[in-house]
């Protein structure tokens, strides 16, 4: 069964120079991952976007049943 990850509504965006990726429920498939621009303690990864491009992040961790 094909899955369209781009229409699931789990999109975060940022154009900040530095932001993080968060996944509050690692191992518990209830809340999708997301981008965060201010809560460094919650980040599981950092994104350095020196050219400040517009970034679209699609969480796919809760799209597959």
PDB file of N, CA and C in Angstrom:
ATOM      1  N   UNK A   1       0.838  -1.174   0.000  1.00  0.00           N
ATOM      2  CA  UNK A   1       0.000   0.000   0.000  1.00  0.00           C
ATOM      3  C   UNK A   1       0.884   1.238   0.000  1.00  0.00           C
ATOM      4  N   UNK A   2       0.730   2.132  -0.988  1.00  0.00           N
ATOM      5  CA  UNK A   2       1.561   3.338  -1.046  1.00  0.00           C
ATOM      6  C   UNK A   2       1.140   4.357   0.017  1.00  0.00           C
ATOM      7  N   UNK A   3       2.109   5.099   0.496  1.00  0.00           N
ATOM      8  CA  UNK A   3       1.863   6.142   1.491  1.00  0.00           C
ATOM      9  C   UNK A   3       2.371   7.461   0.936  1.00  0.00           C
ATOM     10  N   UNK A   4       1.529   8.498   0.979  1.00  0.00           N
ATOM     11  CA  UNK A   4       1.934   9.832   0.533  1.00  0.00           C
ATOM     12  C   UNK A   4       2.301  10.637   1.772  1.00  0.00           C
ATOM     13  N   UNK A   5       3.583  10.758   2.038  1.00  0.00           N
ATOM     14  CA  UNK A   5       4.048  11.450   3.240  1.00  0.00           C
ATOM     15  C   UNK A   5       3.803  12.950   3.194  1.00  0.00           C
ATOM     16  N   UNK A   6       3.598  13.534   2.020  1.00  0.00           N
ATOM     17  CA  UNK A   6       3.475  14.981   1.885  1.00  0.00           C
ATOM     18  C   UNK A   6       2.059  15.496   2.129  1.00  0.00           C
ATOM     19  N   UNK A   7       1.082  14.631   2.256  1.00  0.00           N
ATOM     20  CA  UNK A   7      -0.289  15.084   2.503  1.00  0.00           C
ATOM     21  C   UNK A   7      -0.786  14.707   3.889  1.00  0.00           C
ATOM     22  N   UNK A   8       0.084  14.233   4.736  1.00  0.00           N
ATOM     23  CA  UNK A   8      -0.320  13.778   6.059  1.00  0.00           C
ATOM     24  C   UNK A   8      -0.504  14.912   7.066  1.00  0.00           C
ATOM     25  N   UNK A   9      -0.087  16.130   6.739  1.00  0.00           N
ATOM     26  CA  UNK A   9      -0.272  17.253   7.641  1.00  0.00           C
ATOM     27  C   UNK A   9       0.761  17.356   8.741  1.00  0.00           C
ATOM     28  N   UNK A  10       1.849  16.625   8.665  1.00  0.00           N
ATOM     29  CA  UNK A  10       2.879  16.652   9.706  1.00  0.00           C
ATOM     30  C   UNK A  10       4.081  17.447   9.229  1.00  0.00           C
ATOM     31  N   UNK A  11       3.864  18.675   8.826  1.00  0.00           N
ATOM     32  CA  UNK A  11       4.918  19.503   8.255  1.00  0.00           C
ATOM     33  C   UNK A  11       5.306  20.616   9.225  1.00  0.00           C
ATOM     34  N   UNK A  12       6.621  20.811   9.391  1.00  0.00           N
ATOM     35  CA  UNK A  12       7.161  21.946  10.139  1.00  0.00           C
ATOM     36  C   UNK A  12       8.056  22.721   9.177  1.00  0.00           C
ATOM     37  N   UNK A  13       8.177  24.020   9.383  1.00  0.00           N
ATOM     38  CA  UNK A  13       9.019  24.836   8.519  1.00  0.00           C
ATOM     39  C   UNK A  13       9.887  25.778   9.351  1.00  0.00           C
ATOM     40  N   UNK A  14      11.036  26.157   8.783  1.00  0.00           N
ATOM     41  CA  UNK A  14      11.901  27.132   9.436  1.00  0.00           C
ATOM     42  C   UNK A  14      12.832  27.741   8.398  1.00  0.00           C
ATOM     43  N   UNK A  15      13.234  28.972   8.651  1.00  0.00           N
ATOM     44  CA  UNK A  15      14.278  29.617   7.853  1.00  0.00           C
ATOM     45  C   UNK A  15      15.333  30.233   8.777  1.00  0.00           C
ATOM     46  N   UNK A  16      15.353  29.745  10.022  1.00  0.00           N
ATOM     47  CA  UNK A  16      16.338  30.233  10.998  1.00  0.00           C
ATOM     48  C   UNK A  16      17.730  29.713  10.665  1.00  0.00           C
ATOM     49  N   UNK A  17      18.740  30.401  11.155  1.00  0.00           N
ATOM     50  CA  UNK A  17      20.122  29.983  10.935  1.00  0.00           C
ATOM     51  C   UNK A  17      20.467  28.713  11.721  1.00  0.00           C
ATOM     52  N   UNK A  18      19.827  28.526  12.872  1.00  0.00           N
ATOM     53  CA  UNK A  18      20.040  27.346  13.696  1.00  0.00           C
ATOM     54  C   UNK A  18      18.702  26.924  14.290  1.00  0.00           C
ATOM     55  N   UNK A  19      18.373  25.661  14.114  1.00  0.00           N
ATOM     56  CA  UNK A  19      17.165  25.120  14.722  1.00  0.00           C
ATOM     57  C   UNK A  19      17.385  23.634  14.966  1.00  0.00           C
ATOM     58  N   UNK A  20      16.455  23.026  15.659  1.00  0.00           N
ATOM     59  CA  UNK A  20      16.617  21.628  16.004  1.00  0.00           C
ATOM     60  C   UNK A  20      15.465  20.772  15.541  1.00  0.00           C
ATOM     61  N   UNK A  21      15.717  19.478  15.523  1.00  0.00           N
ATOM     62  CA  UNK A  21      14.680  18.495  15.272  1.00  0.00           C
ATOM     63  C   UNK A  21      14.371  17.833  16.613  1.00  0.00           C
ATOM     64  N   UNK A  22      13.093  17.711  16.916  1.00  0.00           N
ATOM     65  CA  UNK A  22      12.655  17.119  18.172  1.00  0.00           C
ATOM     66  C   UNK A  22      11.771  15.914  17.900  1.00  0.00           C
ATOM     67  N   UNK A  23      11.833  14.957  18.798  1.00  0.00           N
ATOM     68  CA  UNK A  23      10.946  13.804  18.767  1.00  0.00           C
ATOM     69  C   UNK A  23      10.654  13.449  20.213  1.00  0.00           C
ATOM     70  N   UNK A  24       9.559  13.976  20.719  1.00  0.00           N
ATOM     71  CA  UNK A  24       9.223  13.842  22.138  1.00  0.00           C
ATOM     72  C   UNK A  24       8.832  12.429  22.534  1.00  0.00           C
ATOM     73  N   UNK A  25       8.457  11.616  21.577  1.00  0.00           N
ATOM     74  CA  UNK A  25       7.952  10.282  21.912  1.00  0.00           C
ATOM     75  C   UNK A  25       8.726   9.201  21.165  1.00  0.00           C
ATOM     76  N   UNK A  26      10.032   9.232  21.270  1.00  0.00           N
ATOM     77  CA  UNK A  26      10.845   8.205  20.621  1.00  0.00           C
ATOM     78  C   UNK A  26      10.427   6.839  21.157  1.00  0.00           C
ATOM     79  N   UNK A  27      10.077   5.951  20.248  1.00  0.00           N
ATOM     80  CA  UNK A  27       9.642   4.624  20.642  1.00  0.00           C
ATOM     81  C   UNK A  27       8.160   4.513  20.914  1.00  0.00           C
ATOM     82  N   UNK A  28       7.475   5.632  21.010  1.00  0.00           N
ATOM     83  CA  UNK A  28       6.017   5.631  21.210  1.00  0.00           C
ATOM     84  C   UNK A  28       5.387   6.349  20.023  1.00  0.00           C
ATOM     85  N   UNK A  29       4.780   5.652  19.113  1.00  0.00           N
ATOM     86  CA  UNK A  29       4.289   6.219  17.856  1.00  0.00           C
ATOM     87  C   UNK A  29       3.017   7.047  18.032  1.00  0.00           C
ATOM     88  N   UNK A  30       3.081   8.124  18.802  1.00  0.00           N
ATOM     89  CA  UNK A  30       1.890   8.942  19.013  1.00  0.00           C
ATOM     90  C   UNK A  30       2.068  10.379  18.535  1.00  0.00           C
ATOM     91  N   UNK A  31       3.211  10.970  18.728  1.00  0.00           N
ATOM     92  CA  UNK A  31       3.455  12.348  18.350  1.00  0.00           C
ATOM     93  C   UNK A  31       4.549  12.394  17.282  1.00  0.00           C
ATOM     94  N   UNK A  32       4.280  13.033  16.141  1.00  0.00           N
ATOM     95  CA  UNK A  32       5.311  13.082  15.105  1.00  0.00           C
ATOM     96  C   UNK A  32       6.469  14.006  15.493  1.00  0.00           C
ATOM     97  N   UNK A  33       7.619  13.758  14.898  1.00  0.00           N
ATOM     98  CA  UNK A  33       8.779  14.640  15.087  1.00  0.00           C
ATOM     99  C   UNK A  33       8.452  16.026  14.531  1.00  0.00           C
ATOM    100  N   UNK A  34       9.227  17.043  14.951  1.00  0.00           N
ATOM    101  CA  UNK A  34       8.949  18.411  14.526  1.00  0.00           C
ATOM    102  C   UNK A  34      10.212  19.254  14.638  1.00  0.00           C
ATOM    103  N   UNK A  35      10.189  20.422  14.015  1.00  0.00           N
ATOM    104  CA  UNK A  35      11.285  21.386  14.132  1.00  0.00           C
ATOM    105  C   UNK A  35      11.017  22.299  15.309  1.00  0.00           C
ATOM    106  N   UNK A  36      12.082  22.736  15.956  1.00  0.00           N
ATOM    107  CA  UNK A  36      11.967  23.646  17.092  1.00  0.00           C
ATOM    108  C   UNK A  36      13.067  24.702  16.967  1.00  0.00           C
ATOM    109  N   UNK A  37      12.723  25.945  17.240  1.00  0.00           N
ATOM    110  CA  UNK A  37      13.674  27.046  17.086  1.00  0.00           C
ATOM    111  C   UNK A  37      14.172  27.607  18.407  1.00  0.00           C
ATOM    112  N   UNK A  38      13.689  27.119  19.551  1.00  0.00           N
ATOM    113  CA  UNK A  38      14.072  27.777  20.793  1.00  0.00           C
ATOM    114  C   UNK A  38      14.401  26.858  21.970  1.00  0.00           C
ATOM    115  N   UNK A  39      13.865  25.654  22.021  1.00  0.00           N
ATOM    116  CA  UNK A  39      14.051  24.783  23.184  1.00  0.00           C
ATOM    117  C   UNK A  39      15.201  23.808  22.960  1.00  0.00           C
ATOM    118  N   UNK A  40      16.428  24.290  23.064  1.00  0.00           N
ATOM    119  CA  UNK A  40      17.617  23.493  22.770  1.00  0.00           C
ATOM    120  C   UNK A  40      17.682  22.188  23.544  1.00  0.00           C
ATOM    121  N   UNK A  41      17.164  22.149  24.751  1.00  0.00           N
ATOM    122  CA  UNK A  41      17.215  20.942  25.575  1.00  0.00           C
ATOM    123  C   UNK A  41      16.403  19.796  24.972  1.00  0.00           C
ATOM    124  N   UNK A  42      15.439  20.102  24.107  1.00  0.00           N
ATOM    125  CA  UNK A  42      14.590  19.081  23.505  1.00  0.00           C
ATOM    126  C   UNK A  42      15.134  18.557  22.181  1.00  0.00           C
ATOM    127  N   UNK A  43      16.161  19.183  21.641  1.00  0.00           N
ATOM    128  CA  UNK A  43      16.668  18.817  20.319  1.00  0.00           C
ATOM    129  C   UNK A  43      17.369  17.460  20.351  1.00  0.00           C
ATOM    130  N   UNK A  44      17.077  16.635  19.360  1.00  0.00           N
ATOM    131  CA  UNK A  44      17.826  15.398  19.172  1.00  0.00           C
ATOM    132  C   UNK A  44      18.813  15.545  18.017  1.00  0.00           C
ATOM    133  N   UNK A  45      18.691  16.651  17.262  1.00  0.00           N
ATOM    134  CA  UNK A  45      19.626  16.977  16.176  1.00  0.00           C
ATOM    135  C   UNK A  45      19.589  18.478  15.945  1.00  0.00           C
ATOM    136  N   UNK A  46      20.721  19.038  15.533  1.00  0.00           N
ATOM    137  CA  UNK A  46      20.817  20.460  15.198  1.00  0.00           C
ATOM    138  C   UNK A  46      20.930  20.613  13.687  1.00  0.00           C
ATOM    139  N   UNK A  47      20.293  21.655  13.169  1.00  0.00           N
ATOM    140  CA  UNK A  47      20.407  21.985  11.752  1.00  0.00           C
ATOM    141  C   UNK A  47      21.059  23.359  11.664  1.00  0.00           C
ATOM    142  N   UNK A  48      22.187  23.440  10.979  1.00  0.00           N
ATOM    143  CA  UNK A  48      22.882  24.702  10.740  1.00  0.00           C
ATOM    144  C   UNK A  48      22.545  25.150   9.320  1.00  0.00           C
ATOM    145  N   UNK A  49      21.752  26.196   9.222  1.00  0.00           N
ATOM    146  CA  UNK A  49      21.214  26.677   7.952  1.00  0.00           C
ATOM    147  C   UNK A  49      21.798  28.067   7.687  1.00  0.00           C
ATOM    148  N   UNK A  50      23.111  28.117   7.407  1.00  0.00           N
ATOM    149  CA  UNK A  50      23.823  29.381   7.268  1.00  0.00           C
ATOM    150  C   UNK A  50      23.277  30.287   6.183  1.00  0.00           C
ATOM    151  N   UNK A  51      22.728  29.721   5.124  1.00  0.00           N
ATOM    152  CA  UNK A  51      22.173  30.542   4.051  1.00  0.00           C
ATOM    153  C   UNK A  51      20.705  30.881   4.288  1.00  0.00           C
ATOM    154  N   UNK A  52      20.168  30.431   5.417  1.00  0.00           N
ATOM    155  CA  UNK A  52      18.793  30.726   5.852  1.00  0.00           C
ATOM    156  C   UNK A  52      17.764  30.407   4.782  1.00  0.00           C
ATOM    157  N   UNK A  53      17.919  29.247   4.177  1.00  0.00           N
ATOM    158  CA  UNK A  53      16.923  28.781   3.208  1.00  0.00           C
ATOM    159  C   UNK A  53      15.671  28.326   3.941  1.00  0.00           C
ATOM    160  N   UNK A  54      14.561  28.379   3.241  1.00  0.00           N
ATOM    161  CA  UNK A  54      13.290  27.918   3.790  1.00  0.00           C
ATOM    162  C   UNK A  54      13.314  26.392   3.779  1.00  0.00           C
ATOM    163  N   UNK A  55      13.204  25.777   4.960  1.00  0.00           N
ATOM    164  CA  UNK A  55      13.269  24.332   5.109  1.00  0.00           C
ATOM    165  C   UNK A  55      11.889  23.793   5.459  1.00  0.00           C
ATOM    166  N   UNK A  56      11.433  22.804   4.704  1.00  0.00           N
ATOM    167  CA  UNK A  56      10.208  22.071   5.019  1.00  0.00           C
ATOM    168  C   UNK A  56      10.612  20.715   5.576  1.00  0.00           C
ATOM    169  N   UNK A  57      10.082  20.376   6.727  1.00  0.00           N
ATOM    170  CA  UNK A  57      10.370  19.096   7.382  1.00  0.00           C
ATOM    171  C   UNK A  57       9.068  18.318   7.479  1.00  0.00           C
ATOM    172  N   UNK A  58       9.036  17.150   6.873  1.00  0.00           N
ATOM    173  CA  UNK A  58       7.866  16.291   6.929  1.00  0.00           C
ATOM    174  C   UNK A  58       8.149  15.116   7.857  1.00  0.00           C
ATOM    175  N   UNK A  59       7.403  15.051   8.944  1.00  0.00           N
ATOM    176  CA  UNK A  59       7.567  13.944   9.881  1.00  0.00           C
ATOM    177  C   UNK A  59       6.868  12.717   9.314  1.00  0.00           C
ATOM    178  N   UNK A  60       7.621  11.652   9.166  1.00  0.00           N
ATOM    179  CA  UNK A  60       7.019  10.428   8.633  1.00  0.00           C
ATOM    180  C   UNK A  60       6.882   9.351   9.703  1.00  0.00           C
ATOM    181  N   UNK A  61       7.283   9.668  10.921  1.00  0.00           N
ATOM    182  CA  UNK A  61       7.289   8.659  11.974  1.00  0.00           C
ATOM    183  C   UNK A  61       5.901   8.248  12.438  1.00  0.00           C
ATOM    184  N   UNK A  62       4.865   8.968  12.098  1.00  0.00           N
ATOM    185  CA  UNK A  62       3.512   8.587  12.499  1.00  0.00           C
ATOM    186  C   UNK A  62       2.582   8.434  11.303  1.00  0.00           C
ATOM    187  N   UNK A  63       3.143   8.292  10.125  1.00  0.00           N
ATOM    188  CA  UNK A  63       2.332   8.204   8.917  1.00  0.00           C
ATOM    189  C   UNK A  63       1.985   6.775   8.516  1.00  0.00           C
ATOM    190  N   UNK A  64       2.758   5.824   8.953  1.00  0.00           N
ATOM    191  CA  UNK A  64       2.536   4.445   8.577  1.00  0.00           C
ATOM    192  C   UNK A  64       1.804   3.734   9.723  1.00  0.00           C
ATOM    193  N   UNK A  65       0.714   3.094   9.405  1.00  0.00           N
ATOM    194  CA  UNK A  65      -0.063   2.382  10.419  1.00  0.00           C
ATOM    195  C   UNK A  65       0.505   0.998  10.620  1.00  0.00           C
TER     196      UNK A  65
END
